[in-house]
Structure formats: structure tokens, C-alpha cells
Amino acid sequence: HYPLRRQRQMCIRDRRNPVLLRTLFIDILGLGPTGLAARRRANQQLADLMLDVVNNRPGERKRKTPLQPMMAMAVVGGINEMVLHSIEQDRAGQLQELVEPAATLLRAAISAEF
């Protein structure tokens, strides 16, 4: 599962490789249960990272209500949908445009938890 995560990170950083991006976000599902399991593992790793960053901020006050795992997964799913939409619209090279809406989605999930 680590290679998949690493490939996804490289792909997002290197927006000039829309074929790899499409493979990681769309074509992987064509692998059936194996592809779906790999996608789920990658999404879970992202949600776990989000939970750690949001809920364990050294030097800051503890959150009254921590971000819940299901909300973190919902944010990951929402961001994935934004990426998929961009791929389907042949805008894989413009993923930077998703930074603000993705950040807004995360902020909304975090503020809903207080």
C-alpha cells in the first residue's frame, strides 16, 4: 500500500502526468476487489493523517470535540470527487485550483465538530 500512496503523491505533485492520475483515481477500480481494497487503504491513510494533524496539534489547546474518523473519511471522499471531476473534464493539469475548495471543505468539517 505504501507504493500506491507514494505514486499518488508524485502524481498530484507532477500534474503533467494525467495518464498516471487517471490510473490511480479511475482505472484502479477496474481491478475489482483488489483495486477497491488498494483505494480504500490509500483513503484510510489520508483520513488517518488528517485526524492526526487536526486532533494532535502540539502547543495548541485540545479540541473540545475531536474530528471524528467518519468525518475525516467524508472529507477525503469529497476531495477525491473533486479530483475525479477534474480528470473527467480533462483538467488534470489544473489540480492546483482544487486547493481552496478542498481547504474550505476541511475547514467546514472541522468547524462542525466544535
N, C-alpha and C. Protein backbone atom coordinates (compact mmCIF):
# COMPACT_ATOMS: atom_id res chain seq x y z
N HIS A 1 0.82 -1.21 0.00
CA HIS A 1 0.00 0.00 0.00
C HIS A 1 0.85 1.25 0.00
N TYR A 2 2.08 1.18 0.52
CA TYR A 2 2.94 2.35 0.50
C TYR A 2 3.25 2.82 -0.92
N PRO A 3 3.57 1.89 -1.86
CA PRO A 3 3.85 2.36 -3.22
C PRO A 3 2.68 3.11 -3.84
N LEU A 4 1.45 2.68 -3.57
CA LEU A 4 0.28 3.37 -4.12
C LEU A 4 0.21 4.80 -3.58
N ARG A 5 0.42 4.95 -2.27
CA ARG A 5 0.38 6.28 -1.67
C ARG A 5 1.47 7.17 -2.27
N ARG A 6 2.66 6.62 -2.41
CA ARG A 6 3.78 7.37 -2.97
C ARG A 6 3.49 7.78 -4.41
N GLN A 7 2.92 6.86 -5.20
CA GLN A 7 2.58 7.18 -6.59
C GLN A 7 1.54 8.29 -6.64
N ARG A 8 0.56 8.22 -5.75
CA ARG A 8 -0.49 9.23 -5.72
C ARG A 8 0.10 10.60 -5.39
N GLN A 9 1.02 10.64 -4.42
CA GLN A 9 1.66 11.91 -4.06
C GLN A 9 2.46 12.47 -5.23
N MET A 10 3.23 11.59 -5.89
CA MET A 10 4.03 12.04 -7.02
C MET A 10 3.14 12.53 -8.15
N CYS A 11 2.05 11.84 -8.38
CA CYS A 11 1.14 12.18 -9.44
C CYS A 11 0.50 13.55 -9.21
N ILE A 12 0.10 13.82 -7.99
CA ILE A 12 -0.53 15.10 -7.68
C ILE A 12 0.48 16.22 -7.78
N ARG A 13 1.73 15.97 -7.36
CA ARG A 13 2.77 16.99 -7.48
C ARG A 13 3.14 17.24 -8.93
N ASP A 14 3.17 16.16 -9.73
CA ASP A 14 3.54 16.27 -11.14
C ASP A 14 2.27 16.25 -11.98
N ARG A 15 1.64 17.39 -12.11
CA ARG A 15 0.37 17.49 -12.81
C ARG A 15 0.51 17.24 -14.31
N ARG A 16 1.73 17.07 -14.78
CA ARG A 16 1.93 16.84 -16.20
C ARG A 16 1.71 15.39 -16.59
N ASN A 17 1.34 14.53 -15.65
CA ASN A 17 1.15 13.11 -15.95
C ASN A 17 -0.32 12.72 -15.76
N PRO A 18 -1.20 13.18 -16.65
CA PRO A 18 -2.63 12.87 -16.49
C PRO A 18 -2.94 11.39 -16.64
N VAL A 19 -2.11 10.62 -17.35
CA VAL A 19 -2.35 9.19 -17.51
C VAL A 19 -2.20 8.48 -16.16
N LEU A 20 -1.14 8.81 -15.44
CA LEU A 20 -0.94 8.21 -14.12
C LEU A 20 -2.06 8.63 -13.18
N LEU A 21 -2.45 9.88 -13.23
CA LEU A 21 -3.53 10.38 -12.38
C LEU A 21 -4.82 9.61 -12.67
N ARG A 22 -5.13 9.44 -13.93
CA ARG A 22 -6.33 8.69 -14.30
C ARG A 22 -6.24 7.25 -13.82
N THR A 23 -5.07 6.64 -13.94
CA THR A 23 -4.89 5.27 -13.49
C THR A 23 -5.14 5.14 -12.00
N LEU A 24 -4.60 6.06 -11.23
CA LEU A 24 -4.72 5.97 -9.78
C LEU A 24 -6.11 6.30 -9.26
N PHE A 25 -6.84 7.12 -9.97
CA PHE A 25 -8.16 7.53 -9.47
C PHE A 25 -9.33 6.82 -10.15
N ILE A 26 -9.15 6.35 -11.36
CA ILE A 26 -10.27 5.76 -12.09
C ILE A 26 -10.00 4.31 -12.47
N ASP A 27 -8.93 4.07 -13.20
CA ASP A 27 -8.69 2.73 -13.74
C ASP A 27 -8.43 1.69 -12.66
N ILE A 28 -7.97 2.11 -11.49
CA ILE A 28 -7.71 1.16 -10.41
C ILE A 28 -8.98 0.40 -10.02
N LEU A 29 -10.13 1.03 -10.20
CA LEU A 29 -11.39 0.37 -9.85
C LEU A 29 -11.70 -0.79 -10.80
N GLY A 30 -11.12 -0.77 -11.98
CA GLY A 30 -11.28 -1.87 -12.92
C GLY A 30 -10.58 -3.14 -12.48
N LEU A 31 -9.76 -3.05 -11.44
CA LEU A 31 -9.07 -4.22 -10.92
C LEU A 31 -9.96 -5.03 -9.98
N GLY A 32 -11.20 -4.60 -9.83
CA GLY A 32 -12.14 -5.34 -8.98
C GLY A 32 -11.85 -5.15 -7.51
N PRO A 33 -12.09 -6.20 -6.71
CA PRO A 33 -11.91 -6.10 -5.27
C PRO A 33 -10.49 -5.71 -4.85
N THR A 34 -9.50 -6.14 -5.60
CA THR A 34 -8.11 -5.79 -5.27
C THR A 34 -7.88 -4.29 -5.42
N GLY A 35 -8.36 -3.74 -6.52
CA GLY A 35 -8.21 -2.30 -6.75
C GLY A 35 -9.00 -1.48 -5.74
N LEU A 36 -10.21 -1.94 -5.44
CA LEU A 36 -11.02 -1.25 -4.45
C LEU A 36 -10.35 -1.28 -3.07
N ALA A 37 -9.77 -2.41 -2.71
CA ALA A 37 -9.08 -2.53 -1.42
C ALA A 37 -7.88 -1.58 -1.37
N ALA A 38 -7.15 -1.49 -2.46
CA ALA A 38 -5.99 -0.57 -2.51
C ALA A 38 -6.46 0.87 -2.38
N ARG A 39 -7.55 1.20 -3.04
CA ARG A 39 -8.11 2.56 -2.95
C ARG A 39 -8.57 2.85 -1.52
N ARG A 40 -9.23 1.90 -0.91
CA ARG A 40 -9.69 2.09 0.47
C ARG A 40 -8.52 2.29 1.43
N ARG A 41 -7.46 1.51 1.25
CA ARG A 41 -6.27 1.67 2.12
C ARG A 41 -5.67 3.06 1.96
N ALA A 42 -5.54 3.52 0.72
CA ALA A 42 -4.97 4.84 0.48
C ALA A 42 -5.85 5.92 1.10
N ASN A 43 -7.17 5.80 0.93
CA ASN A 43 -8.09 6.78 1.51
C ASN A 43 -8.02 6.75 3.04
N GLN A 44 -7.90 5.57 3.62
CA GLN A 44 -7.81 5.46 5.08
C GLN A 44 -6.53 6.11 5.59
N GLN A 45 -5.44 5.95 4.86
CA GLN A 45 -4.19 6.59 5.26
C GLN A 45 -4.32 8.11 5.25
N LEU A 46 -4.99 8.63 4.23
CA LEU A 46 -5.21 10.08 4.18
C LEU A 46 -6.10 10.55 5.32
N ALA A 47 -7.16 9.80 5.60
CA ALA A 47 -8.06 10.17 6.71
C ALA A 47 -7.33 10.10 8.04
N ASP A 48 -6.51 9.07 8.23
CA ASP A 48 -5.73 8.95 9.48
C ASP A 48 -4.76 10.11 9.65
N LEU A 49 -4.11 10.50 8.56
CA LEU A 49 -3.21 11.66 8.61
C LEU A 49 -3.98 12.92 8.98
N MET A 50 -5.14 13.11 8.38
CA MET A 50 -5.98 14.27 8.68
C MET A 50 -6.36 14.28 10.16
N LEU A 51 -6.78 13.13 10.67
CA LEU A 51 -7.15 13.04 12.09
C LEU A 51 -5.99 13.41 12.99
N ASP A 52 -4.82 12.93 12.66
CA ASP A 52 -3.63 13.21 13.47
C ASP A 52 -3.29 14.69 13.45
N VAL A 53 -3.31 15.28 12.26
CA VAL A 53 -2.96 16.70 12.13
C VAL A 53 -3.98 17.59 12.83
N VAL A 54 -5.25 17.29 12.66
CA VAL A 54 -6.31 18.13 13.23
C VAL A 54 -6.43 17.94 14.74
N ASN A 55 -6.35 16.71 15.20
CA ASN A 55 -6.62 16.43 16.62
C ASN A 55 -5.40 16.49 17.53
N ASN A 56 -4.21 16.48 16.97
CA ASN A 56 -2.99 16.45 17.79
C ASN A 56 -2.04 17.56 17.39
N ARG A 57 -2.42 18.78 17.68
CA ARG A 57 -1.60 19.93 17.32
C ARG A 57 -0.81 20.38 18.55
N PRO A 58 0.49 20.06 18.57
CA PRO A 58 1.31 20.42 19.73
C PRO A 58 1.30 21.93 19.98
N GLY A 59 1.22 22.29 21.23
CA GLY A 59 1.26 23.69 21.60
C GLY A 59 -0.08 24.41 21.49
N GLU A 60 -1.10 23.75 21.00
CA GLU A 60 -2.42 24.38 20.88
C GLU A 60 -3.39 23.66 21.80
N ARG A 61 -4.45 24.37 22.15
CA ARG A 61 -5.42 23.76 23.05
C ARG A 61 -6.07 22.54 22.41
N LYS A 62 -6.45 21.61 23.26
CA LYS A 62 -7.13 20.41 22.78
C LYS A 62 -8.51 20.79 22.26
N ARG A 63 -8.93 20.13 21.23
CA ARG A 63 -10.27 20.37 20.70
C ARG A 63 -11.30 19.83 21.68
N LYS A 64 -12.35 20.58 21.88
CA LYS A 64 -13.44 20.13 22.76
C LYS A 64 -14.03 18.83 22.23
N THR A 65 -14.22 18.79 20.93
CA THR A 65 -14.72 17.59 20.27
C THR A 65 -13.76 17.27 19.12
N PRO A 66 -13.04 16.17 19.22
CA PRO A 66 -12.08 15.84 18.14
C PRO A 66 -12.80 15.55 16.82
N LEU A 67 -12.09 15.79 15.74
CA LEU A 67 -12.61 15.40 14.43
C LEU A 67 -12.79 13.89 14.45
N GLN A 68 -13.95 13.44 14.03
CA GLN A 68 -14.28 12.02 14.07
C GLN A 68 -13.81 11.32 12.79
N PRO A 69 -13.44 10.03 12.90
CA PRO A 69 -12.96 9.29 11.73
C PRO A 69 -13.90 9.32 10.53
N MET A 70 -15.20 9.22 10.76
CA MET A 70 -16.14 9.21 9.64
C MET A 70 -16.16 10.56 8.93
N MET A 71 -16.01 11.65 9.67
CA MET A 71 -15.96 12.98 9.04
C MET A 71 -14.67 13.14 8.23
N ALA A 72 -13.57 12.64 8.77
CA ALA A 72 -12.30 12.70 8.03
C ALA A 72 -12.42 11.92 6.71
N MET A 73 -13.04 10.75 6.77
CA MET A 73 -13.21 9.95 5.55
C MET A 73 -14.15 10.66 4.58
N ALA A 74 -15.15 11.36 5.09
CA ALA A 74 -16.06 12.11 4.22
C ALA A 74 -15.31 13.23 3.49
N VAL A 75 -14.38 13.89 4.18
CA VAL A 75 -13.59 14.93 3.54
C VAL A 75 -12.70 14.32 2.46
N VAL A 76 -12.06 13.20 2.76
CA VAL A 76 -11.23 12.51 1.76
C VAL A 76 -12.08 12.16 0.54
N GLY A 77 -13.27 11.62 0.78
CA GLY A 77 -14.16 11.28 -0.33
C GLY A 77 -14.55 12.48 -1.16
N GLY A 78 -14.83 13.59 -0.47
CA GLY A 78 -15.19 14.82 -1.19
C GLY A 78 -14.05 15.34 -2.04
N ILE A 79 -12.86 15.29 -1.50
CA ILE A 79 -11.69 15.75 -2.27
C ILE A 79 -11.45 14.81 -3.45
N ASN A 80 -11.60 13.51 -3.21
CA ASN A 80 -11.45 12.56 -4.32
C ASN A 80 -12.44 12.87 -5.44
N GLU A 81 -13.67 13.21 -5.07
CA GLU A 81 -14.67 13.55 -6.09
C GLU A 81 -14.27 14.79 -6.87
N MET A 82 -13.68 15.77 -6.19
CA MET A 82 -13.21 16.96 -6.90
C MET A 82 -12.13 16.59 -7.91
N VAL A 83 -11.20 15.72 -7.49
CA VAL A 83 -10.13 15.28 -8.39
C VAL A 83 -10.71 14.50 -9.57
N LEU A 84 -11.62 13.58 -9.27
CA LEU A 84 -12.25 12.80 -10.35
C LEU A 84 -12.95 13.71 -11.35
N HIS A 85 -13.66 14.68 -10.85
CA HIS A 85 -14.35 15.64 -11.73
C HIS A 85 -13.34 16.35 -12.63
N SER A 86 -12.24 16.78 -12.05
CA SER A 86 -11.20 17.45 -12.85
C SER A 86 -10.64 16.53 -13.92
N ILE A 87 -10.40 15.26 -13.56
CA ILE A 87 -9.88 14.29 -14.53
C ILE A 87 -10.88 14.11 -15.66
N GLU A 88 -12.15 13.93 -15.31
CA GLU A 88 -13.18 13.72 -16.32
C GLU A 88 -13.36 14.92 -17.25
N GLN A 89 -13.05 16.10 -16.74
CA GLN A 89 -13.16 17.32 -17.53
C GLN A 89 -11.85 17.67 -18.24
N ASP A 90 -10.90 16.71 -18.25
CA ASP A 90 -9.58 16.91 -18.86
C ASP A 90 -8.87 18.12 -18.26
N ARG A 91 -8.99 18.27 -16.93
CA ARG A 91 -8.36 19.38 -16.22
C ARG A 91 -7.36 18.86 -15.19
N ALA A 92 -6.78 17.69 -15.45
CA ALA A 92 -5.83 17.10 -14.51
C ALA A 92 -4.63 18.02 -14.29
N GLY A 93 -4.31 18.83 -15.26
CA GLY A 93 -3.18 19.75 -15.13
C GLY A 93 -3.49 20.97 -14.28
N GLN A 94 -4.75 21.13 -13.89
CA GLN A 94 -5.15 22.29 -13.09
C GLN A 94 -5.59 21.90 -11.68
N LEU A 95 -5.03 20.85 -11.13
CA LEU A 95 -5.44 20.41 -9.79
C LEU A 95 -5.18 21.46 -8.72
N GLN A 96 -4.26 22.36 -8.98
CA GLN A 96 -3.98 23.43 -8.00
C GLN A 96 -5.24 24.24 -7.72
N GLU A 97 -6.15 24.29 -8.68
CA GLU A 97 -7.41 25.03 -8.49
C GLU A 97 -8.28 24.40 -7.41
N LEU A 98 -7.99 23.16 -7.04
CA LEU A 98 -8.79 22.47 -6.02
C LEU A 98 -8.33 22.75 -4.60
N VAL A 99 -7.20 23.41 -4.45
CA VAL A 99 -6.66 23.65 -3.10
C VAL A 99 -7.66 24.43 -2.25
N GLU A 100 -8.18 25.51 -2.76
CA GLU A 100 -9.09 26.34 -1.97
C GLU A 100 -10.40 25.62 -1.64
N PRO A 101 -11.09 25.01 -2.63
CA PRO A 101 -12.32 24.31 -2.25
C PRO A 101 -12.06 23.12 -1.32
N ALA A 102 -10.94 22.44 -1.48
CA ALA A 102 -10.61 21.32 -0.59
C ALA A 102 -10.36 21.83 0.82
N ALA A 103 -9.65 22.94 0.94
CA ALA A 103 -9.39 23.53 2.25
C ALA A 103 -10.69 24.01 2.89
N THR A 104 -11.58 24.57 2.10
CA THR A 104 -12.89 25.01 2.61
C THR A 104 -13.69 23.83 3.13
N LEU A 105 -13.66 22.72 2.41
CA LEU A 105 -14.36 21.51 2.85
C LEU A 105 -13.80 21.02 4.19
N LEU A 106 -12.49 20.98 4.31
CA LEU A 106 -11.87 20.55 5.56
C LEU A 106 -12.21 21.49 6.70
N ARG A 107 -12.13 22.80 6.44
CA ARG A 107 -12.49 23.78 7.49
C ARG A 107 -13.93 23.61 7.93
N ALA A 108 -14.83 23.35 6.99
CA ALA A 108 -16.24 23.15 7.34
C ALA A 108 -16.41 21.92 8.23
N ALA A 109 -15.72 20.84 7.90
CA ALA A 109 -15.79 19.63 8.71
C ALA A 109 -15.23 19.86 10.10
N ILE A 110 -14.15 20.60 10.19
CA ILE A 110 -13.53 20.88 11.48
C ILE A 110 -14.43 21.78 12.32
N SER A 111 -14.97 22.83 11.72
CA SER A 111 -15.81 23.76 12.49
C SER A 111 -17.11 23.10 12.92
N ALA A 112 -17.59 22.14 12.16
CA ALA A 112 -18.82 21.43 12.54
C ALA A 112 -18.60 20.56 13.76
N GLU A 113 -17.36 20.24 14.06
CA GLU A 113 -17.05 19.36 15.17
C GLU A 113 -16.96 20.10 16.52
N PHE A 114 -16.96 21.42 16.50
CA PHE A 114 -16.83 22.15 17.77
C PHE A 114 -18.16 22.23 18.48
